[in-house]
Amino acid sequence: ENVIHGGIISTVLDEAMAWATAAAGAWA
């Protein structure tokens, strides 16, 4: 109750890093 699932937080962090690689010109 009222605590966000760690898997959701993990997904957000993973997506941010993946898009950072794309922004740097590398698809990974």
mmCIF file of all heavy atoms, coordinates in Angstrom:
data_MODEL
# 
_entry.id   MODEL 
# 
loop_
_atom_site.group_PDB 
_atom_site.id 
_atom_site.type_symbol 
_atom_site.label_atom_id 
_atom_site.label_alt_id 
_atom_site.label_comp_id 
_atom_site.label_asym_id 
_atom_site.label_entity_id 
_atom_site.label_seq_id 
_atom_site.pdbx_PDB_ins_code 
_atom_site.Cartn_x 
_atom_site.Cartn_y 
_atom_site.Cartn_z 
_atom_site.occupancy 
_atom_site.B_iso_or_equiv 
_atom_site.pdbx_formal_charge 
_atom_site.auth_seq_id 
_atom_site.auth_comp_id 
_atom_site.auth_asym_id 
_atom_site.auth_atom_id 
_atom_site.pdbx_PDB_model_num 
ATOM 1   N N   . GLU A 1 1  ? 0.817  -1.204 0.000   1.00 0.00 ? 1  GLU A N   1 
ATOM 2   C CA  . GLU A 1 1  ? 0.000  0.000  0.000   1.00 0.00 ? 1  GLU A CA  1 
ATOM 3   C C   . GLU A 1 1  ? 0.857  1.263  0.000   1.00 0.00 ? 1  GLU A C   1 
ATOM 4   O O   . GLU A 1 1  ? 1.671  1.475  0.889   1.00 0.00 ? 1  GLU A O   1 
ATOM 5   C CB  . GLU A 1 1  ? -0.937 0.017  1.208   1.00 0.00 ? 1  GLU A CB  1 
ATOM 6   C CG  . GLU A 1 1  ? -1.905 1.176  1.162   1.00 0.00 ? 1  GLU A CG  1 
ATOM 7   C CD  . GLU A 1 1  ? -2.941 1.123  2.279   1.00 0.00 ? 1  GLU A CD  1 
ATOM 8   O OE1 . GLU A 1 1  ? -3.013 0.118  2.993   1.00 0.00 ? 1  GLU A OE1 1 
ATOM 9   O OE2 . GLU A 1 1  ? -3.656 2.115  2.425   1.00 0.00 ? 1  GLU A OE2 1 
ATOM 10  N N   . ASN A 1 2  ? 0.694  2.055  -1.051  1.00 0.00 ? 2  ASN A N   1 
ATOM 11  C CA  . ASN A 1 2  ? 1.342  3.352  -1.226  1.00 0.00 ? 2  ASN A CA  1 
ATOM 12  C C   . ASN A 1 2  ? 2.863  3.274  -1.394  1.00 0.00 ? 2  ASN A C   1 
ATOM 13  O O   . ASN A 1 2  ? 3.550  4.269  -1.256  1.00 0.00 ? 2  ASN A O   1 
ATOM 14  C CB  . ASN A 1 2  ? 0.980  4.302  -0.083  1.00 0.00 ? 2  ASN A CB  1 
ATOM 15  C CG  . ASN A 1 2  ? 1.170  5.751  -0.489  1.00 0.00 ? 2  ASN A CG  1 
ATOM 16  O OD1 . ASN A 1 2  ? 1.016  6.114  -1.649  1.00 0.00 ? 2  ASN A OD1 1 
ATOM 17  N ND2 . ASN A 1 2  ? 1.523  6.571  0.472   1.00 0.00 ? 2  ASN A ND2 1 
ATOM 18  N N   . VAL A 1 3  ? 3.417  2.107  -1.678  1.00 0.00 ? 3  VAL A N   1 
ATOM 19  C CA  . VAL A 1 3  ? 4.854  1.952  -1.922  1.00 0.00 ? 3  VAL A CA  1 
ATOM 20  C C   . VAL A 1 3  ? 5.044  1.390  -3.335  1.00 0.00 ? 3  VAL A C   1 
ATOM 21  O O   . VAL A 1 3  ? 4.550  0.305  -3.641  1.00 0.00 ? 3  VAL A O   1 
ATOM 22  C CB  . VAL A 1 3  ? 5.515  1.018  -0.881  1.00 0.00 ? 3  VAL A CB  1 
ATOM 23  C CG1 . VAL A 1 3  ? 6.996  0.829  -1.194  1.00 0.00 ? 3  VAL A CG1 1 
ATOM 24  C CG2 . VAL A 1 3  ? 5.318  1.557  0.532   1.00 0.00 ? 3  VAL A CG2 1 
ATOM 25  N N   . ILE A 1 4  ? 5.762  2.124  -4.163  1.00 0.00 ? 4  ILE A N   1 
ATOM 26  C CA  . ILE A 1 4  ? 5.955  1.719  -5.556  1.00 0.00 ? 4  ILE A CA  1 
ATOM 27  C C   . ILE A 1 4  ? 6.856  0.489  -5.636  1.00 0.00 ? 4  ILE A C   1 
ATOM 28  O O   . ILE A 1 4  ? 7.869  0.388  -4.947  1.00 0.00 ? 4  ILE A O   1 
ATOM 29  C CB  . ILE A 1 4  ? 6.541  2.887  -6.379  1.00 0.00 ? 4  ILE A CB  1 
ATOM 30  C CG1 . ILE A 1 4  ? 5.597  4.102  -6.313  1.00 0.00 ? 4  ILE A CG1 1 
ATOM 31  C CG2 . ILE A 1 4  ? 6.788  2.474  -7.827  1.00 0.00 ? 4  ILE A CG2 1 
ATOM 32  C CD1 . ILE A 1 4  ? 4.156  3.814  -6.687  1.00 0.00 ? 4  ILE A CD1 1 
ATOM 33  N N   . HIS A 1 5  ? 6.476  -0.425 -6.487  1.00 0.00 ? 5  HIS A N   1 
ATOM 34  C CA  . HIS A 1 5  ? 7.191  -1.683 -6.681  1.00 0.00 ? 5  HIS A CA  1 
ATOM 35  C C   . HIS A 1 5  ? 8.618  -1.417 -7.172  1.00 0.00 ? 5  HIS A C   1 
ATOM 36  O O   . HIS A 1 5  ? 8.841  -0.597 -8.070  1.00 0.00 ? 5  HIS A O   1 
ATOM 37  C CB  . HIS A 1 5  ? 6.436  -2.526 -7.709  1.00 0.00 ? 5  HIS A CB  1 
ATOM 38  C CG  . HIS A 1 5  ? 6.858  -3.947 -7.763  1.00 0.00 ? 5  HIS A CG  1 
ATOM 39  N ND1 . HIS A 1 5  ? 8.087  -4.331 -8.226  1.00 0.00 ? 5  HIS A ND1 1 
ATOM 40  C CD2 . HIS A 1 5  ? 6.208  -5.078 -7.404  1.00 0.00 ? 5  HIS A CD2 1 
ATOM 41  C CE1 . HIS A 1 5  ? 8.181  -5.649 -8.167  1.00 0.00 ? 5  HIS A CE1 1 
ATOM 42  N NE2 . HIS A 1 5  ? 7.049  -6.121 -7.668  1.00 0.00 ? 5  HIS A NE2 1 
ATOM 43  N N   . GLY A 1 6  ? 9.580  -2.110 -6.598  1.00 0.00 ? 6  GLY A N   1 
ATOM 44  C CA  . GLY A 1 6  ? 10.969 -1.955 -7.002  1.00 0.00 ? 6  GLY A CA  1 
ATOM 45  C C   . GLY A 1 6  ? 11.210 -2.304 -8.456  1.00 0.00 ? 6  GLY A C   1 
ATOM 46  O O   . GLY A 1 6  ? 12.114 -1.759 -9.092  1.00 0.00 ? 6  GLY A O   1 
ATOM 47  N N   . GLY A 1 7  ? 10.410 -3.204 -9.007  1.00 0.00 ? 7  GLY A N   1 
ATOM 48  C CA  . GLY A 1 7  ? 10.552 -3.561 -10.412 1.00 0.00 ? 7  GLY A CA  1 
ATOM 49  C C   . GLY A 1 7  ? 10.197 -2.403 -11.335 1.00 0.00 ? 7  GLY A C   1 
ATOM 50  O O   . GLY A 1 7  ? 10.799 -2.242 -12.402 1.00 0.00 ? 7  GLY A O   1 
ATOM 51  N N   . ILE A 1 8  ? 9.238  -1.596 -10.926 1.00 0.00 ? 8  ILE A N   1 
ATOM 52  C CA  . ILE A 1 8  ? 8.870  -0.409 -11.707 1.00 0.00 ? 8  ILE A CA  1 
ATOM 53  C C   . ILE A 1 8  ? 10.030 0.582  -11.689 1.00 0.00 ? 8  ILE A C   1 
ATOM 54  O O   . ILE A 1 8  ? 10.422 1.133  -12.716 1.00 0.00 ? 8  ILE A O   1 
ATOM 55  C CB  . ILE A 1 8  ? 7.585  0.246  -11.153 1.00 0.00 ? 8  ILE A CB  1 
ATOM 56  C CG1 . ILE A 1 8  ? 6.394  -0.726 -11.220 1.00 0.00 ? 8  ILE A CG1 1 
ATOM 57  C CG2 . ILE A 1 8  ? 7.300  1.565  -11.855 1.00 0.00 ? 8  ILE A CG2 1 
ATOM 58  C CD1 . ILE A 1 8  ? 5.969  -1.110 -12.609 1.00 0.00 ? 8  ILE A CD1 1 
ATOM 59  N N   . ILE A 1 9  ? 10.587 0.804  -10.500 1.00 0.00 ? 9  ILE A N   1 
ATOM 60  C CA  . ILE A 1 9  ? 11.724 1.720  -10.363 1.00 0.00 ? 9  ILE A CA  1 
ATOM 61  C C   . ILE A 1 9  ? 12.904 1.212  -11.195 1.00 0.00 ? 9  ILE A C   1 
ATOM 62  O O   . ILE A 1 9  ? 13.559 1.978  -11.898 1.00 0.00 ? 9  ILE A O   1 
ATOM 63  C CB  . ILE A 1 9  ? 12.104 1.886  -8.879  1.00 0.00 ? 9  ILE A CB  1 
ATOM 64  C CG1 . ILE A 1 9  ? 10.968 2.603  -8.133  1.00 0.00 ? 9  ILE A CG1 1 
ATOM 65  C CG2 . ILE A 1 9  ? 13.431 2.627  -8.722  1.00 0.00 ? 9  ILE A CG2 1 
ATOM 66  C CD1 . ILE A 1 9  ? 11.100 2.602  -6.628  1.00 0.00 ? 9  ILE A CD1 1 
ATOM 67  N N   . SER A 1 10 ? 13.148 -0.087 -11.150 1.00 0.00 ? 10 SER A N   1 
ATOM 68  C CA  . SER A 1 10 ? 14.241 -0.685 -11.920 1.00 0.00 ? 10 SER A CA  1 
ATOM 69  C C   . SER A 1 10 ? 14.040 -0.468 -13.416 1.00 0.00 ? 10 SER A C   1 
ATOM 70  O O   . SER A 1 10 ? 14.997 -0.157 -14.147 1.00 0.00 ? 10 SER A O   1 
ATOM 71  C CB  . SER A 1 10 ? 14.329 -2.184 -11.636 1.00 0.00 ? 10 SER A CB  1 
ATOM 72  O OG  . SER A 1 10 ? 14.584 -2.414 -10.274 1.00 0.00 ? 10 SER A OG  1 
ATOM 73  N N   . THR A 1 11 ? 12.819 -0.638 -13.871 1.00 0.00 ? 11 THR A N   1 
ATOM 74  C CA  . THR A 1 11 ? 12.507 -0.443 -15.289 1.00 0.00 ? 11 THR A CA  1 
ATOM 75  C C   . THR A 1 11 ? 12.762 0.997  -15.714 1.00 0.00 ? 11 THR A C   1 
ATOM 76  O O   . THR A 1 11 ? 13.338 1.249  -16.776 1.00 0.00 ? 11 THR A O   1 
ATOM 77  C CB  . THR A 1 11 ? 11.048 -0.842 -15.581 1.00 0.00 ? 11 THR A CB  1 
ATOM 78  O OG1 . THR A 1 11 ? 10.878 -2.221 -15.239 1.00 0.00 ? 11 THR A OG1 1 
ATOM 79  C CG2 . THR A 1 11 ? 10.678 -0.604 -17.030 1.00 0.00 ? 11 THR A CG2 1 
ATOM 80  N N   . VAL A 1 12 ? 12.351 1.943  -14.896 1.00 0.00 ? 12 VAL A N   1 
ATOM 81  C CA  . VAL A 1 12 ? 12.569 3.360  -15.204 1.00 0.00 ? 12 VAL A CA  1 
ATOM 82  C C   . VAL A 1 12 ? 14.064 3.656  -15.330 1.00 0.00 ? 12 VAL A C   1 
ATOM 83  O O   . VAL A 1 12 ? 14.508 4.315  -16.282 1.00 0.00 ? 12 VAL A O   1 
ATOM 84  C CB  . VAL A 1 12 ? 11.912 4.257  -14.127 1.00 0.00 ? 12 VAL A CB  1 
ATOM 85  C CG1 . VAL A 1 12 ? 12.367 5.704  -14.251 1.00 0.00 ? 12 VAL A CG1 1 
ATOM 86  C CG2 . VAL A 1 12 ? 10.390 4.154  -14.212 1.00 0.00 ? 12 VAL A CG2 1 
ATOM 87  N N   . LEU A 1 13 ? 14.863 3.164  -14.387 1.00 0.00 ? 13 LEU A N   1 
ATOM 88  C CA  . LEU A 1 13 ? 16.306 3.387  -14.427 1.00 0.00 ? 13 LEU A CA  1 
ATOM 89  C C   . LEU A 1 13 ? 16.941 2.725  -15.650 1.00 0.00 ? 13 LEU A C   1 
ATOM 90  O O   . LEU A 1 13 ? 17.787 3.321  -16.324 1.00 0.00 ? 13 LEU A O   1 
ATOM 91  C CB  . LEU A 1 13 ? 16.953 2.875  -13.139 1.00 0.00 ? 13 LEU A CB  1 
ATOM 92  C CG  . LEU A 1 13 ? 16.571 3.653  -11.870 1.00 0.00 ? 13 LEU A CG  1 
ATOM 93  C CD1 . LEU A 1 13 ? 16.981 2.869  -10.632 1.00 0.00 ? 13 LEU A CD1 1 
ATOM 94  C CD2 . LEU A 1 13 ? 17.182 5.039  -11.874 1.00 0.00 ? 13 LEU A CD2 1 
ATOM 95  N N   . ASP A 1 14 ? 16.520 1.503  -15.951 1.00 0.00 ? 14 ASP A N   1 
ATOM 96  C CA  . ASP A 1 14 ? 17.045 0.781  -17.108 1.00 0.00 ? 14 ASP A CA  1 
ATOM 97  C C   . ASP A 1 14 ? 16.719 1.527  -18.405 1.00 0.00 ? 14 ASP A C   1 
ATOM 98  O O   . ASP A 1 14 ? 17.580 1.694  -19.272 1.00 0.00 ? 14 ASP A O   1 
ATOM 99  C CB  . ASP A 1 14 ? 16.472 -0.642 -17.131 1.00 0.00 ? 14 ASP A CB  1 
ATOM 100 C CG  . ASP A 1 14 ? 17.038 -1.497 -18.250 1.00 0.00 ? 14 ASP A CG  1 
ATOM 101 O OD1 . ASP A 1 14 ? 18.244 -1.406 -18.531 1.00 0.00 ? 14 ASP A OD1 1 
ATOM 102 O OD2 . ASP A 1 14 ? 16.267 -2.295 -18.821 1.00 0.00 ? 14 ASP A OD2 1 
ATOM 103 N N   . GLU A 1 15 ? 15.494 1.973  -18.542 1.00 0.00 ? 15 GLU A N   1 
ATOM 104 C CA  . GLU A 1 15 ? 15.087 2.710  -19.741 1.00 0.00 ? 15 GLU A CA  1 
ATOM 105 C C   . GLU A 1 15 ? 15.871 4.002  -19.887 1.00 0.00 ? 15 GLU A C   1 
ATOM 106 O O   . GLU A 1 15 ? 16.295 4.358  -20.993 1.00 0.00 ? 15 GLU A O   1 
ATOM 107 C CB  . GLU A 1 15 ? 13.584 3.015  -19.710 1.00 0.00 ? 15 GLU A CB  1 
ATOM 108 C CG  . GLU A 1 15 ? 12.727 1.854  -20.121 1.00 0.00 ? 15 GLU A CG  1 
ATOM 109 C CD  . GLU A 1 15 ? 12.908 1.522  -21.602 1.00 0.00 ? 15 GLU A CD  1 
ATOM 110 O OE1 . GLU A 1 15 ? 12.654 2.381  -22.471 1.00 0.00 ? 15 GLU A OE1 1 
ATOM 111 O OE2 . GLU A 1 15 ? 13.323 0.391  -21.887 1.00 0.00 ? 15 GLU A OE2 1 
ATOM 112 N N   . ALA A 1 16 ? 16.072 4.721  -18.801 1.00 0.00 ? 16 ALA A N   1 
ATOM 113 C CA  . ALA A 1 16 ? 16.823 5.975  -18.870 1.00 0.00 ? 16 ALA A CA  1 
ATOM 114 C C   . ALA A 1 16 ? 18.243 5.726  -19.367 1.00 0.00 ? 16 ALA A C   1 
ATOM 115 O O   . ALA A 1 16 ? 18.751 6.462  -20.221 1.00 0.00 ? 16 ALA A O   1 
ATOM 116 C CB  . ALA A 1 16 ? 16.840 6.651  -17.498 1.00 0.00 ? 16 ALA A CB  1 
ATOM 117 N N   . MET A 1 17 ? 18.886 4.682  -18.848 1.00 0.00 ? 17 MET A N   1 
ATOM 118 C CA  . MET A 1 17 ? 20.252 4.378  -19.287 1.00 0.00 ? 17 MET A CA  1 
ATOM 119 C C   . MET A 1 17 ? 20.277 3.918  -20.742 1.00 0.00 ? 17 MET A C   1 
ATOM 120 O O   . MET A 1 17 ? 21.173 4.292  -21.505 1.00 0.00 ? 17 MET A O   1 
ATOM 121 C CB  . MET A 1 17 ? 20.885 3.337  -18.363 1.00 0.00 ? 17 MET A CB  1 
ATOM 122 C CG  . MET A 1 17 ? 21.169 3.870  -16.971 1.00 0.00 ? 17 MET A CG  1 
ATOM 123 S SD  . MET A 1 17 ? 22.022 2.698  -15.893 1.00 0.00 ? 17 MET A SD  1 
ATOM 124 C CE  . MET A 1 17 ? 20.710 1.494  -15.573 1.00 0.00 ? 17 MET A CE  1 
ATOM 125 N N   . ALA A 1 18 ? 19.286 3.125  -21.143 1.00 0.00 ? 18 ALA A N   1 
ATOM 126 C CA  . ALA A 1 18 ? 19.229 2.657  -22.529 1.00 0.00 ? 18 ALA A CA  1 
ATOM 127 C C   . ALA A 1 18 ? 19.057 3.829  -23.489 1.00 0.00 ? 18 ALA A C   1 
ATOM 128 O O   . ALA A 1 18 ? 19.702 3.873  -24.547 1.00 0.00 ? 18 ALA A O   1 
ATOM 129 C CB  . ALA A 1 18 ? 18.095 1.642  -22.692 1.00 0.00 ? 18 ALA A CB  1 
ATOM 130 N N   . TRP A 1 19 ? 18.209 4.790  -23.150 1.00 0.00 ? 19 TRP A N   1 
ATOM 131 C CA  . TRP A 1 19 ? 18.020 5.946  -24.026 1.00 0.00 ? 19 TRP A CA  1 
ATOM 132 C C   . TRP A 1 19 ? 19.233 6.866  -23.982 1.00 0.00 ? 19 TRP A C   1 
ATOM 133 O O   . TRP A 1 19 ? 19.527 7.545  -24.973 1.00 0.00 ? 19 TRP A O   1 
ATOM 134 C CB  . TRP A 1 19 ? 16.732 6.686  -23.694 1.00 0.00 ? 19 TRP A CB  1 
ATOM 135 C CG  . TRP A 1 19 ? 15.550 5.925  -24.215 1.00 0.00 ? 19 TRP A CG  1 
ATOM 136 C CD1 . TRP A 1 19 ? 14.630 5.227  -23.482 1.00 0.00 ? 19 TRP A CD1 1 
ATOM 137 C CD2 . TRP A 1 19 ? 15.203 5.737  -25.589 1.00 0.00 ? 19 TRP A CD2 1 
ATOM 138 N NE1 . TRP A 1 19 ? 13.727 4.619  -24.329 1.00 0.00 ? 19 TRP A NE1 1 
ATOM 139 C CE2 . TRP A 1 19 ? 14.053 4.920  -25.627 1.00 0.00 ? 19 TRP A CE2 1 
ATOM 140 C CE3 . TRP A 1 19 ? 15.743 6.169  -26.786 1.00 0.00 ? 19 TRP A CE3 1 
ATOM 141 C CZ2 . TRP A 1 19 ? 13.444 4.537  -26.818 1.00 0.00 ? 19 TRP A CZ2 1 
ATOM 142 C CZ3 . TRP A 1 19 ? 15.139 5.789  -27.975 1.00 0.00 ? 19 TRP A CZ3 1 
ATOM 143 C CH2 . TRP A 1 19 ? 13.998 4.984  -27.977 1.00 0.00 ? 19 TRP A CH2 1 
ATOM 144 N N   . ALA A 1 20 ? 19.968 6.874  -22.883 1.00 0.00 ? 20 ALA A N   1 
ATOM 145 C CA  . ALA A 1 20 ? 21.221 7.643  -22.843 1.00 0.00 ? 20 ALA A CA  1 
ATOM 146 C C   . ALA A 1 20 ? 22.221 7.066  -23.837 1.00 0.00 ? 20 ALA A C   1 
ATOM 147 O O   . ALA A 1 20 ? 22.947 7.810  -24.501 1.00 0.00 ? 20 ALA A O   1 
ATOM 148 C CB  . ALA A 1 20 ? 21.797 7.657  -21.425 1.00 0.00 ? 20 ALA A CB  1 
ATOM 149 N N   . THR A 1 21 ? 22.259 5.732  -23.936 1.00 0.00 ? 21 THR A N   1 
ATOM 150 C CA  . THR A 1 21 ? 23.172 5.128  -24.921 1.00 0.00 ? 21 THR A CA  1 
ATOM 151 C C   . THR A 1 21 ? 22.743 5.510  -26.332 1.00 0.00 ? 21 THR A C   1 
ATOM 152 O O   . THR A 1 21 ? 23.581 5.830  -27.168 1.00 0.00 ? 21 THR A O   1 
ATOM 153 C CB  . THR A 1 21 ? 23.256 3.592  -24.782 1.00 0.00 ? 21 THR A CB  1 
ATOM 154 O OG1 . THR A 1 21 ? 22.017 2.996  -25.124 1.00 0.00 ? 21 THR A OG1 1 
ATOM 155 C CG2 . THR A 1 21 ? 23.693 3.171  -23.399 1.00 0.00 ? 21 THR A CG2 1 
ATOM 156 N N   . ALA A 1 22 ? 21.445 5.503  -26.589 1.00 0.00 ? 22 ALA A N   1 
ATOM 157 C CA  . ALA A 1 22 ? 20.949 5.875  -27.920 1.00 0.00 ? 22 ALA A CA  1 
ATOM 158 C C   . ALA A 1 22 ? 21.272 7.336  -28.224 1.00 0.00 ? 22 ALA A C   1 
ATOM 159 O O   . ALA A 1 22 ? 21.678 7.678  -29.334 1.00 0.00 ? 22 ALA A O   1 
ATOM 160 C CB  . ALA A 1 22 ? 19.451 5.615  -28.017 1.00 0.00 ? 22 ALA A CB  1 
ATOM 161 N N   . ALA A 1 23 ? 21.109 8.198  -27.236 1.00 0.00 ? 23 ALA A N   1 
ATOM 162 C CA  . ALA A 1 23 ? 21.400 9.619  -27.431 1.00 0.00 ? 23 ALA A CA  1 
ATOM 163 C C   . ALA A 1 23 ? 22.881 9.842  -27.699 1.00 0.00 ? 23 ALA A C   1 
ATOM 164 O O   . ALA A 1 23 ? 23.253 10.798 -28.387 1.00 0.00 ? 23 ALA A O   1 
ATOM 165 C CB  . ALA A 1 23 ? 20.961 10.415 -26.204 1.00 0.00 ? 23 ALA A CB  1 
ATOM 166 N N   . ALA A 1 24 ? 23.720 8.943  -27.201 1.00 0.00 ? 24 ALA A N   1 
ATOM 167 C CA  . ALA A 1 24 ? 25.160 9.031  -27.449 1.00 0.00 ? 24 ALA A CA  1 
ATOM 168 C C   . ALA A 1 24 ? 25.542 8.392  -28.774 1.00 0.00 ? 24 ALA A C   1 
ATOM 169 O O   . ALA A 1 24 ? 26.718 8.321  -29.120 1.00 0.00 ? 24 ALA A O   1 
ATOM 170 C CB  . ALA A 1 24 ? 25.915 8.364  -26.300 1.00 0.00 ? 24 ALA A CB  1 
ATOM 171 N N   . GLY A 1 25 ? 24.535 7.899  -29.515 1.00 0.00 ? 25 GLY A N   1 
ATOM 172 C CA  . GLY A 1 25 ? 24.784 7.328  -30.828 1.00 0.00 ? 25 GLY A CA  1 
ATOM 173 C C   . GLY A 1 25 ? 25.049 5.836  -30.839 1.00 0.00 ? 25 GLY A C   1 
ATOM 174 O O   . GLY A 1 25 ? 25.476 5.293  -31.847 1.00 0.00 ? 25 GLY A O   1 
ATOM 175 N N   . ALA A 1 26 ? 24.790 5.167  -29.720 1.00 0.00 ? 26 ALA A N   1 
ATOM 176 C CA  . ALA A 1 26 ? 25.039 3.723  -29.631 1.00 0.00 ? 26 ALA A CA  1 
ATOM 177 C C   . ALA A 1 26 ? 23.744 3.004  -29.271 1.00 0.00 ? 26 ALA A C   1 
ATOM 178 O O   . ALA A 1 26 ? 23.091 3.350  -28.297 1.00 0.00 ? 26 ALA A O   1 
ATOM 179 C CB  . ALA A 1 26 ? 26.096 3.436  -28.571 1.00 0.00 ? 26 ALA A CB  1 
ATOM 180 N N   . TRP A 1 27 ? 23.378 2.016  -30.058 1.00 0.00 ? 27 TRP A N   1 
ATOM 181 C CA  . TRP A 1 27 ? 22.217 1.196  -29.745 1.00 0.00 ? 27 TRP A CA  1 
ATOM 182 C C   . TRP A 1 27 ? 22.713 -0.050 -29.033 1.00 0.00 ? 27 TRP A C   1 
ATOM 183 O O   . TRP A 1 27 ? 23.580 -0.767 -29.533 1.00 0.00 ? 27 TRP A O   1 
ATOM 184 C CB  . TRP A 1 27 ? 21.449 0.850  -31.009 1.00 0.00 ? 27 TRP A CB  1 
ATOM 185 C CG  . TRP A 1 27 ? 20.718 2.051  -31.507 1.00 0.00 ? 27 TRP A CG  1 
ATOM 186 C CD1 . TRP A 1 27 ? 21.179 2.958  -32.419 1.00 0.00 ? 27 TRP A CD1 1 
ATOM 187 C CD2 . TRP A 1 27 ? 19.452 2.520  -31.090 1.00 0.00 ? 27 TRP A CD2 1 
ATOM 188 N NE1 . TRP A 1 27 ? 20.249 3.952  -32.596 1.00 0.00 ? 27 TRP A NE1 1 
ATOM 189 C CE2 . TRP A 1 27 ? 19.175 3.705  -31.792 1.00 0.00 ? 27 TRP A CE2 1 
ATOM 190 C CE3 . TRP A 1 27 ? 18.501 2.049  -30.178 1.00 0.00 ? 27 TRP A CE3 1 
ATOM 191 C CZ2 . TRP A 1 27 ? 18.003 4.434  -31.632 1.00 0.00 ? 27 TRP A CZ2 1 
ATOM 192 C CZ3 . TRP A 1 27 ? 17.327 2.763  -30.018 1.00 0.00 ? 27 TRP A CZ3 1 
ATOM 193 C CH2 . TRP A 1 27 ? 17.090 3.937  -30.739 1.00 0.00 ? 27 TRP A CH2 1 
ATOM 194 N N   . ALA A 1 28 ? 22.164 -0.297 -27.846 1.00 0.00 ? 28 ALA A N   1 
ATOM 195 C CA  . ALA A 1 28 ? 22.682 -1.380 -27.012 1.00 0.00 ? 28 ALA A CA  1 
ATOM 196 C C   . ALA A 1 28 ? 21.571 -1.968 -26.150 1.00 0.00 ? 28 ALA A C   1 
ATOM 197 O O   . ALA A 1 28 ? 20.523 -1.353 -25.956 1.00 0.00 ? 28 ALA A O   1 
ATOM 198 C CB  . ALA A 1 28 ? 23.805 -0.845 -26.126 1.00 0.00 ? 28 ALA A CB  1 
# 
